[in-house]
Amino acid sequence: MALQLRPNCEYCDRDLPPNATYARICSYECTFCVDCVETKLSNVCPNCGGGFVARPIRPTQEWRSGVCVTKHVPSDKRVHLKYSLEDVAAHCARIRGVPPEAR
Protein backbone atom coordinates (compact mmCIF):
# COMPACT_ATOMS: atom_id res chain seq x y z
CA MET A 1 0.00 0.00 0.00
CA ALA A 2 1.42 3.38 -0.99
CA LEU A 3 1.42 6.43 1.22
CA GLN A 4 -1.64 8.60 0.59
CA LEU A 5 -0.41 11.90 -0.85
CA ARG A 6 -3.09 14.38 0.16
CA PRO A 7 -3.40 17.49 -2.02
CA ASN A 8 -3.69 20.18 0.64
CA CYS A 9 -2.82 21.44 4.09
CA GLU A 10 -5.62 20.46 6.45
CA TYR A 11 -5.24 23.74 8.35
CA CYS A 12 -4.87 26.50 5.72
CA ASP A 13 -5.89 24.56 2.57
CA ARG A 14 -2.61 25.42 0.80
CA ASP A 15 -1.99 23.22 -2.24
CA LEU A 16 0.60 20.50 -1.59
CA PRO A 17 1.56 18.91 -4.90
CA PRO A 18 3.24 15.47 -4.82
CA ASN A 19 6.70 17.03 -5.12
CA ALA A 20 6.19 19.66 -2.39
CA THR A 21 9.20 19.81 -0.10
CA TYR A 22 7.14 21.89 2.35
CA ALA A 23 4.55 19.14 3.07
CA ARG A 24 4.56 17.50 6.50
CA ILE A 25 2.77 14.35 7.69
CA CYS A 26 2.17 12.54 10.97
CA SER A 27 2.14 8.76 11.38
CA TYR A 28 -1.56 8.72 10.39
CA GLU A 29 -0.80 10.64 7.18
CA CYS A 30 -2.47 13.82 8.43
CA THR A 31 -1.02 16.42 6.10
CA PHE A 32 -0.08 20.04 6.72
CA CYS A 33 2.28 22.62 5.26
CA VAL A 34 5.51 23.40 7.09
CA ASP A 35 4.30 26.94 7.84
CA CYS A 36 1.26 25.71 9.76
CA VAL A 37 3.24 22.95 11.50
CA GLU A 38 5.80 25.46 12.77
CA THR A 39 3.70 28.59 13.40
CA LYS A 40 0.21 27.31 14.25
CA LEU A 41 0.59 23.73 15.46
CA SER A 42 3.94 23.71 17.31
CA ASN A 43 4.74 20.32 15.73
CA VAL A 44 1.62 18.79 17.32
CA CYS A 45 -0.83 16.98 15.05
CA PRO A 46 -4.26 18.41 15.92
CA ASN A 47 -5.87 15.08 15.08
CA CYS A 48 -3.71 12.54 16.92
CA GLY A 49 -1.19 14.51 19.01
CA GLY A 50 1.83 13.08 17.22
CA GLY A 51 4.69 14.97 15.64
CA PHE A 52 5.44 15.66 11.99
CA VAL A 53 8.11 14.69 9.47
CA ALA A 54 8.73 15.79 5.90
CA ARG A 55 6.41 13.98 3.52
CA PRO A 56 8.42 11.76 1.16
CA ILE A 57 8.52 12.66 -2.52
CA ARG A 58 7.21 9.90 -4.77
CA PRO A 59 9.45 9.40 -7.82
CA THR A 60 8.10 10.78 -11.09
CA GLN A 61 10.19 8.38 -13.14
CA GLU A 62 9.47 4.65 -13.10
CA TRP A 63 12.89 3.50 -11.85
CA ARG A 64 11.40 0.11 -11.01
CA SER A 65 8.46 -1.43 -12.81
CA GLY A 66 5.13 -0.09 -11.55
CA VAL A 67 6.58 2.23 -8.91
CA CYS A 68 6.16 5.96 -9.57
CA VAL A 69 3.70 8.80 -9.10
CA THR A 70 1.83 7.94 -12.31
CA LYS A 71 1.32 4.31 -11.20
CA HIS A 72 0.36 5.22 -7.61
CA VAL A 73 -1.44 8.50 -8.13
CA PRO A 74 -1.85 11.07 -5.35
CA SER A 75 -5.24 11.61 -3.76
CA ASP A 76 -7.40 14.39 -5.15
CA LYS A 77 -9.65 14.44 -2.05
CA ARG A 78 -9.06 17.59 -0.04
CA VAL A 79 -9.06 17.05 3.73
CA HIS A 80 -9.90 19.69 6.33
CA LEU A 81 -9.72 19.85 10.10
CA LYS A 82 -12.71 18.47 11.93
CA TYR A 83 -11.93 20.61 14.99
CA SER A 84 -12.38 24.34 15.49
CA LEU A 85 -9.29 26.55 15.32
CA GLU A 86 -9.80 27.35 19.01
CA ASP A 87 -9.86 23.66 19.92
CA VAL A 88 -6.75 23.02 17.80
CA ALA A 89 -4.89 25.87 19.52
CA ALA A 90 -5.80 24.57 22.99
CA HIS A 91 -4.86 20.98 22.08
CA CYS A 92 -1.49 22.00 20.64
CA ALA A 93 -0.72 24.31 23.58
CA ARG A 94 -1.52 21.53 26.05
CA ILE A 95 1.05 19.05 24.71
CA ARG A 96 3.59 21.03 22.69
CA GLY A 97 6.13 20.82 25.53
CA VAL A 98 6.15 17.03 25.33
CA PRO A 99 8.59 15.75 22.68
CA PRO A 100 6.88 13.76 19.88
CA GLU A 101 8.68 10.55 20.89
CA ALA A 102 7.23 10.84 24.40
CA ARG A 103 3.63 11.57 23.41
C-alpha atoms as a PDB file:
ATOM      1  CA  MET A   1       0.000   0.000   0.000  1.00  0.00           C
ATOM      2  CA  ALA A   2       1.416   3.382  -0.991  1.00  0.00           C
ATOM      3  CA  LEU A   3       1.422   6.433   1.223  1.00  0.00           C
ATOM      4  CA  GLN A   4      -1.636   8.599   0.591  1.00  0.00           C
ATOM      5  CA  LEU A   5      -0.411  11.897  -0.846  1.00  0.00           C
ATOM      6  CA  ARG A   6      -3.094  14.384   0.155  1.00  0.00           C
ATOM      7  CA  PRO A   7      -3.397  17.487  -2.023  1.00  0.00           C
ATOM      8  CA  ASN A   8      -3.693  20.181   0.641  1.00  0.00           C
ATOM      9  CA  CYS A   9      -2.821  21.437   4.095  1.00  0.00           C
ATOM     10  CA  GLU A  10      -5.623  20.458   6.453  1.00  0.00           C
ATOM     11  CA  TYR A  11      -5.241  23.744   8.351  1.00  0.00           C
ATOM     12  CA  CYS A  12      -4.868  26.502   5.725  1.00  0.00           C
ATOM     13  CA  ASP A  13      -5.890  24.565   2.565  1.00  0.00           C
ATOM     14  CA  ARG A  14      -2.606  25.417   0.800  1.00  0.00           C
ATOM     15  CA  ASP A  15      -1.993  23.220  -2.238  1.00  0.00           C
ATOM     16  CA  LEU A  16       0.603  20.502  -1.588  1.00  0.00           C
ATOM     17  CA  PRO A  17       1.564  18.906  -4.904  1.00  0.00           C
ATOM     18  CA  PRO A  18       3.240  15.474  -4.819  1.00  0.00           C
ATOM     19  CA  ASN A  19       6.704  17.028  -5.117  1.00  0.00           C
ATOM     20  CA  ALA A  20       6.187  19.660  -2.393  1.00  0.00           C
ATOM     21  CA  THR A  21       9.203  19.814  -0.103  1.00  0.00           C
ATOM     22  CA  TYR A  22       7.139  21.889   2.350  1.00  0.00           C
ATOM     23  CA  ALA A  23       4.553  19.143   3.066  1.00  0.00           C
ATOM     24  CA  ARG A  24       4.561  17.501   6.499  1.00  0.00           C
ATOM     25  CA  ILE A  25       2.772  14.346   7.692  1.00  0.00           C
ATOM     26  CA  CYS A  26       2.174  12.539  10.974  1.00  0.00           C
ATOM     27  CA  SER A  27       2.136   8.758  11.379  1.00  0.00           C
ATOM     28  CA  TYR A  28      -1.564   8.716  10.389  1.00  0.00           C
ATOM     29  CA  GLU A  29      -0.796  10.641   7.181  1.00  0.00           C
ATOM     30  CA  CYS A  30      -2.473  13.820   8.430  1.00  0.00           C
ATOM     31  CA  THR A  31      -1.021  16.419   6.096  1.00  0.00           C
ATOM     32  CA  PHE A  32      -0.076  20.037   6.722  1.00  0.00           C
ATOM     33  CA  CYS A  33       2.277  22.617   5.256  1.00  0.00           C
ATOM     34  CA  VAL A  34       5.510  23.404   7.086  1.00  0.00           C
ATOM     35  CA  ASP A  35       4.304  26.944   7.836  1.00  0.00           C
ATOM     36  CA  CYS A  36       1.256  25.713   9.763  1.00  0.00           C
ATOM     37  CA  VAL A  37       3.245  22.949  11.503  1.00  0.00           C
ATOM     38  CA  GLU A  38       5.803  25.464  12.767  1.00  0.00           C
ATOM     39  CA  THR A  39       3.695  28.587  13.404  1.00  0.00           C
ATOM     40  CA  LYS A  40       0.211  27.312  14.255  1.00  0.00           C
ATOM     41  CA  LEU A  41       0.591  23.725  15.465  1.00  0.00           C
ATOM     42  CA  SER A  42       3.943  23.715  17.310  1.00  0.00           C
ATOM     43  CA  ASN A  43       4.742  20.320  15.730  1.00  0.00           C
ATOM     44  CA  VAL A  44       1.616  18.787  17.322  1.00  0.00           C
ATOM     45  CA  CYS A  45      -0.832  16.979  15.054  1.00  0.00           C
ATOM     46  CA  PRO A  46      -4.255  18.415  15.922  1.00  0.00           C
ATOM     47  CA  ASN A  47      -5.870  15.082  15.078  1.00  0.00           C
ATOM     48  CA  CYS A  48      -3.710  12.542  16.923  1.00  0.00           C
ATOM     49  CA  GLY A  49      -1.195  14.508  19.008  1.00  0.00           C
ATOM     50  CA  GLY A  50       1.830  13.083  17.219  1.00  0.00           C
ATOM     51  CA  GLY A  51       4.689  14.972  15.638  1.00  0.00           C
ATOM     52  CA  PHE A  52       5.436  15.660  11.993  1.00  0.00           C
ATOM     53  CA  VAL A  53       8.106  14.686   9.469  1.00  0.00           C
ATOM     54  CA  ALA A  54       8.730  15.792   5.902  1.00  0.00           C
ATOM     55  CA  ARG A  55       6.406  13.981   3.517  1.00  0.00           C
ATOM     56  CA  PRO A  56       8.416  11.760   1.156  1.00  0.00           C
ATOM     57  CA  ILE A  57       8.515  12.662  -2.525  1.00  0.00           C
ATOM     58  CA  ARG A  58       7.209   9.905  -4.775  1.00  0.00           C
ATOM     59  CA  PRO A  59       9.455   9.396  -7.824  1.00  0.00           C
ATOM     60  CA  THR A  60       8.097  10.784 -11.088  1.00  0.00           C
ATOM     61  CA  GLN A  61      10.191   8.384 -13.136  1.00  0.00           C
ATOM     62  CA  GLU A  62       9.472   4.651 -13.095  1.00  0.00           C
ATOM     63  CA  TRP A  63      12.893   3.498 -11.850  1.00  0.00           C
ATOM     64  CA  ARG A  64      11.397   0.107 -11.007  1.00  0.00           C
ATOM     65  CA  SER A  65       8.457  -1.430 -12.807  1.00  0.00           C
ATOM     66  CA  GLY A  66       5.125  -0.095 -11.551  1.00  0.00           C
ATOM     67  CA  VAL A  67       6.578   2.229  -8.912  1.00  0.00           C
ATOM     68  CA  CYS A  68       6.160   5.961  -9.566  1.00  0.00           C
ATOM     69  CA  VAL A  69       3.696   8.797  -9.104  1.00  0.00           C
ATOM     70  CA  THR A  70       1.828   7.938 -12.315  1.00  0.00           C
ATOM     71  CA  LYS A  71       1.323   4.308 -11.203  1.00  0.00           C
ATOM     72  CA  HIS A  72       0.356   5.217  -7.609  1.00  0.00           C
ATOM     73  CA  VAL A  73      -1.444   8.497  -8.130  1.00  0.00           C
ATOM     74  CA  PRO A  74      -1.853  11.066  -5.349  1.00  0.00           C
ATOM     75  CA  SER A  75      -5.238  11.610  -3.764  1.00  0.00           C
ATOM     76  CA  ASP A  76      -7.398  14.392  -5.147  1.00  0.00           C
ATOM     77  CA  LYS A  77      -9.649  14.439  -2.055  1.00  0.00           C
ATOM     78  CA  ARG A  78      -9.055  17.592  -0.042  1.00  0.00           C
ATOM     79  CA  VAL A  79      -9.059  17.050   3.726  1.00  0.00           C
ATOM     80  CA  HIS A  80      -9.901  19.695   6.328  1.00  0.00           C
ATOM     81  CA  LEU A  81      -9.716  19.851  10.096  1.00  0.00           C
ATOM     82  CA  LYS A  82     -12.708  18.471  11.933  1.00  0.00           C
ATOM     83  CA  TYR A  83     -11.934  20.612  14.994  1.00  0.00           C
ATOM     84  CA  SER A  84     -12.378  24.345  15.487  1.00  0.00           C
ATOM     85  CA  LEU A  85      -9.288  26.547  15.318  1.00  0.00           C
ATOM     86  CA  GLU A  86      -9.798  27.348  19.011  1.00  0.00           C
ATOM     87  CA  ASP A  87      -9.860  23.662  19.916  1.00  0.00           C
ATOM     88  CA  VAL A  88      -6.752  23.018  17.799  1.00  0.00           C
ATOM     89  CA  ALA A  89      -4.892  25.874  19.521  1.00  0.00           C
ATOM     90  CA  ALA A  90      -5.804  24.569  22.990  1.00  0.00           C
ATOM     91  CA  HIS A  91      -4.864  20.982  22.080  1.00  0.00           C
ATOM     92  CA  CYS A  92      -1.485  22.001  20.643  1.00  0.00           C
ATOM     93  CA  ALA A  93      -0.716  24.310  23.578  1.00  0.00           C
ATOM     94  CA  ARG A  94      -1.518  21.529  26.052  1.00  0.00           C
ATOM     95  CA  ILE A  95       1.049  19.051  24.708  1.00  0.00           C
ATOM     96  CA  ARG A  96       3.593  21.032  22.687  1.00  0.00           C
ATOM     97  CA  GLY A  97       6.128  20.823  25.526  1.00  0.00           C
ATOM     98  CA  VAL A  98       6.152  17.027  25.330  1.00  0.00           C
ATOM     99  CA  PRO A  99       8.594  15.747  22.678  1.00  0.00           C
ATOM    100  CA  PRO A 100       6.877  13.760  19.879  1.00  0.00           C
ATOM    101  CA  GLU A 101       8.682  10.554  20.890  1.00  0.00           C
ATOM    102  CA  ALA A 102       7.231  10.844  24.402  1.00  0.00           C
ATOM    103  CA  ARG A 103       3.626  11.573  23.412  1.00  0.00           C
END
